[in-house]
């Protein structure tokens, strides 16, 4: 199986599990990842972000395998009022 087929067959649910494992070093059931699993999981997460996910996170990997860092201005633009569900002030809570 080539890399493109592998990544395109990852479901969003599997991606969440992989992302959890990559960030915590454990699977959601608590089982610890081996060193090889950690390396492979991080690689799969990066490939998925590069080829499938339309991520709005500050740090992602593009299709060329390069790290993309969004500026503060780009992030603010993405999270402008049009994307808000509700806005509260201190006194509202």
Protein backbone atom coordinates (compact mmCIF):
# COMPACT_ATOMS: atom_id res chain seq x y z
CA UNK A 1 0.00 0.00 0.00
CA UNK A 2 1.43 3.38 -0.92
CA UNK A 3 1.43 6.38 1.41
CA UNK A 4 -1.36 8.24 -0.40
CA UNK A 5 -3.69 5.24 -0.17
CA UNK A 6 -2.80 4.72 3.48
CA UNK A 7 -3.49 8.34 4.42
CA UNK A 8 -6.69 8.60 2.37
CA UNK A 9 -8.08 5.55 4.20
CA UNK A 10 -7.62 7.09 7.65
CA UNK A 11 -11.02 8.05 9.04
CA UNK A 12 -11.46 11.15 11.22
CA UNK A 13 -12.02 8.83 14.22
CA UNK A 14 -8.77 6.97 13.58
CA UNK A 15 -6.97 10.29 13.09
CA UNK A 16 -8.19 11.45 16.52
CA UNK A 17 -6.83 8.24 18.08
CA UNK A 18 -3.51 8.69 16.29
CA UNK A 19 -3.32 12.32 17.35
CA UNK A 20 -4.05 11.36 20.96
CA UNK A 21 -1.35 8.70 20.86
CA UNK A 22 1.18 11.06 19.31
CA UNK A 23 0.57 13.76 21.89
CA UNK A 24 0.32 11.59 25.04
CA UNK A 25 2.40 8.51 24.22
CA UNK A 26 -0.59 6.31 25.05
CA UNK A 27 -3.60 4.98 23.18
CA UNK A 28 -7.00 6.16 24.43
CA UNK A 29 -7.37 2.88 26.39
CA UNK A 30 -4.19 3.71 28.35
CA UNK A 31 -1.84 1.29 26.60
CA UNK A 32 1.61 2.84 26.22
CA UNK A 33 3.05 3.18 22.72
CA UNK A 34 6.42 1.62 21.91
CA UNK A 35 9.14 3.87 20.52
CA UNK A 36 8.47 2.54 17.01
CA UNK A 37 4.74 3.17 17.40
CA UNK A 38 5.41 6.74 18.59
CA UNK A 39 7.55 7.48 15.54
CA UNK A 40 5.07 5.94 13.11
CA UNK A 41 2.09 7.63 14.78
CA UNK A 42 3.70 11.08 14.57
CA UNK A 43 4.53 10.46 10.90
CA UNK A 44 0.94 9.39 10.14
CA UNK A 45 -0.48 12.44 11.93
CA UNK A 46 1.81 14.73 9.94
CA UNK A 47 0.95 13.00 6.65
CA UNK A 48 -2.78 13.21 7.38
CA UNK A 49 -2.51 16.92 8.23
CA UNK A 50 -0.54 17.56 5.06
CA UNK A 51 -2.70 15.60 2.64
CA UNK A 52 -6.24 15.44 4.08
CA UNK A 53 -7.02 17.75 6.98
CA UNK A 54 -7.87 21.37 6.44
CA UNK A 55 -6.39 22.24 9.79
CA UNK A 56 -6.84 25.64 11.43
CA UNK A 57 -4.11 24.95 13.96
CA UNK A 58 -1.17 27.31 14.25
CA UNK A 59 1.43 24.66 13.40
CA UNK A 60 0.78 22.13 10.63
CA UNK A 61 2.70 20.29 7.93
CA UNK A 62 2.06 21.18 4.28
CA UNK A 63 2.03 18.81 1.30
CA UNK A 64 5.77 19.27 0.80
CA UNK A 65 6.49 18.10 4.36
CA UNK A 66 7.38 21.61 5.52
CA UNK A 67 6.16 23.06 8.79
CA UNK A 68 3.61 25.85 8.36
CA UNK A 69 3.27 28.42 11.11
CA UNK A 70 0.36 30.82 10.92
CA UNK A 71 0.85 34.37 12.04
CA UNK A 72 -1.21 35.97 14.77
CA UNK A 73 -3.02 38.02 12.11
CA UNK A 74 -3.95 34.88 10.11
CA UNK A 75 -5.28 33.17 13.23
CA UNK A 76 -7.30 36.24 14.24
CA UNK A 77 -8.79 36.41 10.76
CA UNK A 78 -9.88 32.76 10.98
CA UNK A 79 -11.53 33.30 14.34
CA UNK A 80 -13.33 36.57 13.53
CA UNK A 81 -16.91 37.33 14.56
CA UNK A 82 -18.41 35.47 11.57
CA UNK A 83 -17.19 32.19 13.08
CA UNK A 84 -18.41 32.95 16.60
CA UNK A 85 -21.32 31.19 18.21
CA UNK A 86 -21.57 33.56 21.17
CA UNK A 87 -19.58 36.34 22.80
CA UNK A 88 -19.56 37.07 26.54
CA UNK A 89 -18.06 39.73 28.76
CA UNK A 90 -16.81 39.24 32.33
CA UNK A 91 -20.07 40.54 33.77
CA UNK A 92 -22.23 38.14 31.72
CA UNK A 93 -20.81 35.12 33.48
